Protein backbone atom coordinates (compact mmCIF):
# COMPACT_ATOMS: atom_id res chain seq x y z
CA MET A 1 38.49 63.05 -49.37
CA PHE A 2 37.02 63.21 -52.95
CA TRP A 3 33.20 64.44 -53.19
CA ARG A 4 31.82 64.55 -56.81
CA LYS A 5 31.23 68.36 -57.58
CA ASN A 6 30.01 67.51 -61.11
CA GLY A 7 27.71 64.87 -59.90
CA HIS A 8 26.10 66.66 -57.25
CA LYS A 9 27.40 64.67 -54.36
CA SER A 10 28.34 66.73 -51.27
CA GLU A 11 29.15 65.99 -47.51
CA THR A 12 25.76 67.36 -46.47
CA ALA A 13 23.62 64.77 -48.68
CA THR A 14 21.20 63.22 -46.46
CA ALA A 15 20.15 59.37 -46.53
CA GLU A 16 16.45 60.67 -47.28
CA GLN A 17 17.51 62.19 -50.44
CA SER A 18 16.48 60.14 -53.34
CA PRO A 19 19.48 58.80 -55.67
CA GLN A 20 19.86 60.64 -58.98
CA ALA A 21 20.42 58.85 -62.22
CA VAL A 22 23.98 59.37 -63.41
CA ILE A 23 23.11 57.46 -66.58
CA ASP A 24 19.76 57.38 -68.21
CA VAL A 25 19.61 55.35 -71.59
CA ARG A 26 16.49 55.42 -73.51
CA ASP A 27 15.67 53.09 -76.18
CA ILE A 28 19.32 53.65 -77.82
CA ALA A 29 19.91 51.98 -81.10
CA LYS A 30 23.32 52.09 -82.82
CA VAL A 31 23.37 51.11 -86.80
CA TYR A 32 26.59 50.92 -88.50
CA LYS A 33 26.36 51.29 -92.47
CA MET A 34 28.77 49.17 -94.48
CA GLY A 35 27.84 49.81 -98.13
CA ASP A 36 24.45 48.41 -98.61
CA ILE A 37 24.81 46.29 -95.15
CA GLU A 38 23.37 47.62 -92.02
CA VAL A 39 25.01 46.32 -88.82
CA HIS A 40 22.80 46.74 -85.62
CA ALA A 41 25.09 47.15 -83.04
CA LEU A 42 22.52 48.25 -80.26
CA ARG A 43 18.77 47.56 -80.42
CA GLY A 44 16.72 49.61 -77.92
CA VAL A 45 18.69 49.54 -74.90
CA VAL A 46 16.92 51.03 -71.95
CA MET A 47 19.20 51.42 -68.98
CA LYS A 48 19.70 53.44 -65.56
CA VAL A 49 22.63 53.73 -63.36
CA TYR A 50 22.29 55.85 -60.12
CA GLU A 51 24.66 57.76 -58.22
CA GLY A 52 26.83 55.37 -55.95
CA GLU A 53 26.13 52.27 -57.99
CA PHE A 54 28.95 49.95 -58.92
CA LEU A 55 28.17 47.69 -61.78
CA SER A 56 29.74 45.65 -64.60
CA ILE A 57 28.39 45.39 -68.33
CA MET A 58 29.30 41.97 -69.95
CA GLY A 59 28.70 40.26 -73.00
CA PRO A 60 30.41 38.09 -75.55
CA SER A 61 32.21 39.38 -78.62
CA GLY A 62 29.62 41.11 -80.79
CA SER A 63 27.25 41.70 -78.36
CA GLY A 64 27.57 45.35 -78.33
CA LYS A 65 29.22 46.12 -74.94
CA SER A 66 31.99 48.12 -76.46
CA THR A 67 29.54 50.23 -78.59
CA LEU A 68 27.58 50.88 -75.51
CA MET A 69 30.61 51.94 -73.68
CA ASN A 70 31.50 54.36 -76.38
CA ILE A 71 28.01 55.86 -76.14
CA LEU A 72 28.10 55.99 -72.45
CA GLY A 73 31.54 57.62 -72.52
CA CYS A 74 30.42 60.24 -74.98
CA LEU A 75 33.06 58.82 -77.57
CA ASP A 76 30.37 58.10 -79.92
CA GLN A 77 26.50 58.91 -80.59
CA PRO A 78 23.54 56.91 -80.87
CA THR A 79 21.59 56.46 -84.28
CA SER A 80 18.38 56.81 -82.33
CA GLY A 81 17.13 57.21 -78.59
CA GLU A 82 18.13 59.39 -75.94
CA TYR A 83 20.89 59.59 -73.41
CA TYR A 84 21.03 61.63 -70.21
CA LEU A 85 24.33 61.76 -68.44
CA ASP A 86 23.92 63.47 -64.84
CA GLY A 87 20.84 64.98 -66.19
CA GLU A 88 22.19 66.45 -69.39
CA ALA A 89 20.85 65.35 -72.81
CA VAL A 90 24.19 64.38 -74.54
CA SER A 91 22.78 62.13 -77.39
CA LYS A 92 22.61 65.14 -80.03
CA LEU A 93 25.54 67.44 -78.72
CA SER A 94 28.07 68.80 -81.07
CA GLU A 95 31.69 67.23 -81.06
CA SER A 96 32.91 70.46 -78.86
CA ASP A 97 30.12 69.91 -76.38
CA LEU A 98 30.80 66.34 -75.94
CA ALA A 99 34.39 66.97 -75.33
CA ARG A 100 33.41 69.29 -72.57
CA VAL A 101 31.08 66.39 -71.16
CA ARG A 102 33.88 64.01 -71.48
CA ASN A 103 36.58 66.30 -69.50
CA LYS A 104 33.96 67.35 -66.74
CA LYS A 105 31.46 64.48 -66.39
CA ILE A 106 33.39 61.21 -67.06
CA GLY A 107 36.72 59.71 -65.85
CA PHE A 108 38.02 57.06 -68.09
CA VAL A 109 40.36 54.13 -67.06
CA PHE A 110 41.74 51.95 -69.85
CA GLN A 111 43.17 48.62 -69.99
CA SER A 112 46.35 49.86 -71.43
CA PHE A 113 46.81 52.82 -68.97
CA ASN A 114 47.18 55.47 -71.86
CA LEU A 115 50.07 57.43 -69.89
CA LEU A 116 52.51 59.77 -71.63
CA LYS A 117 55.90 58.04 -71.52
CA ARG A 118 57.98 61.17 -70.46
CA THR A 119 55.62 62.70 -68.03
CA SER A 120 55.66 62.47 -64.32
CA ALA A 121 52.58 61.01 -62.40
CA LEU A 122 51.71 64.45 -61.13
CA ARG A 123 51.76 65.93 -64.42
CA GLN A 124 49.49 62.93 -65.99
CA VAL A 125 47.12 63.59 -63.39
CA GLU A 126 47.05 67.38 -63.93
CA LEU A 127 46.24 67.04 -67.52
CA PRO A 128 42.50 66.88 -67.37
CA LEU A 129 42.49 70.10 -65.09
CA ILE A 130 44.73 71.73 -67.76
CA TYR A 131 42.37 70.95 -70.50
CA GLY A 132 39.43 72.05 -68.50
CA GLY A 133 41.13 75.30 -67.48
CA GLU A 134 40.94 74.50 -63.76
CA GLY A 135 42.98 76.24 -61.03
CA GLY A 136 44.88 74.45 -58.03
CA ARG A 137 46.07 71.87 -60.47
CA SER A 138 49.13 70.64 -58.43
CA LYS A 139 47.15 70.54 -55.03
CA ARG A 140 44.31 68.58 -56.43
CA ALA A 141 46.41 66.10 -58.57
CA LYS A 142 48.43 65.44 -55.50
CA ALA A 143 45.56 64.59 -53.57
CA ALA A 144 44.08 62.41 -56.14
CA LEU A 145 47.54 60.51 -56.13
CA GLU A 146 47.32 60.02 -52.30
CA ALA A 147 43.93 58.73 -52.70
CA VAL A 148 45.30 55.90 -54.54
CA GLY A 149 48.64 55.40 -52.32
CA LEU A 150 50.76 56.97 -54.67
CA GLY A 151 51.78 60.01 -52.63
CA ASN A 152 55.29 58.97 -52.60
CA ARG A 153 55.55 58.50 -56.30
CA LEU A 154 54.45 62.07 -57.68
CA ASP A 155 57.64 62.55 -59.83
CA HIS A 156 57.91 59.04 -61.09
CA LEU A 157 57.70 58.37 -64.98
CA PRO A 158 55.47 55.45 -66.02
CA SER A 159 58.76 53.65 -66.85
CA GLU A 160 59.64 53.69 -63.13
CA LEU A 161 56.36 52.30 -61.95
CA SER A 162 54.94 49.06 -62.02
CA GLY A 163 51.96 47.83 -64.07
CA GLY A 164 49.71 48.30 -61.08
CA GLN A 165 51.24 51.65 -60.01
CA GLN A 166 50.62 52.90 -63.54
CA GLN A 167 47.02 51.71 -63.36
CA ARG A 168 46.59 53.77 -60.38
CA VAL A 169 48.10 56.81 -61.86
CA ALA A 170 45.22 56.46 -64.44
CA ILE A 171 42.61 55.88 -61.64
CA ALA A 172 43.92 59.19 -60.10
CA ARG A 173 43.82 60.81 -63.50
CA ALA A 174 40.17 59.70 -63.70
CA LEU A 175 39.32 61.19 -60.43
CA VAL A 176 40.84 64.52 -60.27
CA ASN A 177 37.75 66.21 -61.96
CA GLU A 178 35.48 64.91 -59.52
CA PRO A 179 33.28 63.37 -62.42
CA ALA A 180 29.94 62.11 -62.39
CA MET A 181 31.25 58.73 -63.07
CA ILE A 182 34.17 56.50 -63.79
CA LEU A 183 34.00 54.38 -66.93
CA ALA A 184 36.53 51.45 -66.81
CA ASP A 185 37.37 49.30 -69.72
CA GLU A 186 38.90 46.02 -68.55
CA PRO A 187 40.92 47.89 -66.03
CA THR A 188 42.67 44.73 -64.53
CA GLY A 189 43.23 43.05 -67.90
CA ASN A 190 46.82 43.93 -68.25
CA LEU A 191 47.71 43.23 -64.78
CA ASP A 192 49.12 40.35 -62.84
CA SER A 193 46.69 38.90 -60.19
CA ARG A 194 48.21 40.69 -57.20
CA SER A 195 48.13 44.27 -58.99
CA GLY A 196 44.48 43.47 -60.24
CA THR A 197 43.54 42.79 -56.69
CA GLU A 198 44.92 46.01 -55.40
CA VAL A 199 43.46 47.99 -58.18
CA MET A 200 40.12 46.35 -57.46
CA GLN A 201 40.44 47.02 -53.86
CA ILE A 202 40.87 50.72 -54.93
CA PHE A 203 37.62 50.77 -57.01
CA GLN A 204 35.76 49.20 -54.17
CA ARG A 205 36.96 51.70 -51.78
CA LEU A 206 36.25 54.57 -53.77
CA ASN A 207 32.64 53.31 -54.29
CA ARG A 208 31.96 52.17 -50.88
CA GLU A 209 33.57 55.08 -48.97
CA GLN A 210 33.18 57.91 -51.34
CA GLY A 211 29.94 56.87 -53.19
CA ILE A 212 31.65 57.40 -56.46
CA THR A 213 29.53 55.69 -59.43
CA VAL A 214 31.66 53.18 -61.33
CA VAL A 215 30.95 51.24 -64.52
CA PHE A 216 33.15 48.43 -65.54
CA VAL A 217 32.88 47.13 -69.30
CA THR A 218 34.47 43.54 -68.77
CA HIS A 219 34.48 40.01 -70.33
CA ASP A 220 35.77 38.68 -66.97
CA PRO A 221 33.34 37.11 -64.63
CA TRP A 222 35.67 37.07 -61.63
CA ILE A 223 35.82 40.75 -61.99
CA ALA A 224 32.15 41.26 -62.51
CA ARG A 225 31.56 39.51 -59.22
CA HIS A 226 33.27 42.10 -57.30
CA THR A 227 30.69 44.79 -58.37
CA ASN A 228 27.09 45.11 -56.96
CA ARG A 229 25.20 44.66 -60.18
CA ILE A 230 25.58 42.98 -63.67
CA VAL A 231 24.19 44.01 -67.19
CA MET A 232 24.43 41.32 -69.73
CA LEU A 233 24.20 42.11 -73.64
CA ARG A 234 23.57 39.74 -76.28
CA ASP A 235 23.01 40.85 -80.00
CA GLY A 236 22.81 44.62 -79.03
CA LYS A 237 19.98 43.89 -76.30
CA ILE A 238 19.99 43.80 -72.61
CA ILE A 239 19.09 40.29 -71.79
CA THR A 240 19.30 40.43 -67.91
CA ASP A 241 20.07 43.36 -65.44
CA ARG A 242 20.53 41.91 -61.90
CA PRO A 243 22.30 42.51 -58.65
CA VAL A 244 25.15 40.38 -57.51
CA PRO A 245 23.58 38.52 -54.53
CA HIS A 246 27.06 38.51 -52.73
CA PRO A 247 29.45 40.75 -54.18
CA LEU A 248 33.22 39.60 -53.31
CA VAL A 249 35.54 41.66 -51.46
CA ALA A 250 38.82 42.23 -53.22
CA GLY A 251 41.58 40.09 -51.67
CA GLU A 252 39.32 37.98 -49.55
CA ALA A 253 38.68 35.10 -51.93
CA GLU A 254 40.87 32.93 -54.27
CA ARG A 255 40.12 33.00 -57.97
CA PRO A 256 38.70 29.71 -59.10
CA SER A 257 39.00 28.39 -62.47
CA GLU A 258 37.67 30.20 -65.53
CA ALA A 259 35.20 27.39 -66.25
CA ASP A 260 34.00 27.38 -62.67
CA GLU A 261 33.64 30.90 -62.45
CA MET A 262 31.74 31.21 -65.58
CA GLU A 263 29.34 28.64 -64.61
CA SER A 264 29.03 30.43 -61.28
CA ILE A 265 28.09 33.86 -62.88
CA PHE A 266 25.66 32.39 -65.40
CA LYS A 267 23.82 30.48 -62.80
CA GLU A 268 23.48 33.53 -60.60
CA THR A 269 22.86 36.33 -63.16
CA TYR A 270 22.07 34.68 -66.44
CA TYR A 271 19.82 32.21 -65.73
CA GLY A 272 18.34 33.67 -62.49
CA GLY A 273 15.37 35.28 -64.28
CA ASP A 274 12.23 34.60 -65.82
CA LYS A 275 12.35 32.37 -69.09
CA GLN A 276 10.91 35.02 -71.45
CA GLU A 277 13.97 37.29 -70.62
CA TYR A 278 16.11 35.18 -72.74
CA ASN A 279 13.81 34.88 -75.87
């Protein structure tokens, strides 16, 4: 079983303990300068994500969700504001310190898998441990692959694996360092419906059974309905941040048309608050 060493989760944790904020974003702004023009990608974003949460960040193109993802993943730094990741102030860190934080505290899962073509599944999962100078790499990588159902594919190359299996290797790689959170960018975007369902089942199991904090960045309302909370951005601001009333269980519901699903998610989440939230 995986317990988040770097996220301070242990088997001795009690129900009485208050959850800790894995993500604490305080008035984050991001401004890109293009000559004399300033583009305000984020405008005073405030958000907390507590350990054990499973949420989606959504928004149309240009809303700022990709910029926010890059900041949450310590791939970029804000122009102003503060960001605390697992209790550590990271918004002003040097590049080398950011690299350390990314390796130790964040597990990344991308739409395109980002696997090395000539490297076995086991070796792919060992890479974060190698970069971090960790010991027991083979044993830990094997355990991570077993956790995603690939214990019998340790020596397979990406070309010998299906798309869904490749994404499971990527999930195992994200898990192996026991990060404070997993940050997933459209993790089912390149998969067929069956493989996408299997990957979503893995994320839900890791979250519900092991308490792993998961943040999805997605444009897909159907995927978002499988998480427990949705944060929606527009013009660089959070316009609504609400729990999903009845999260879907992966594999138990048939996907509706995109139009019907978008209407449903907007009714439940986007239009469910006070009128002033959308001004």
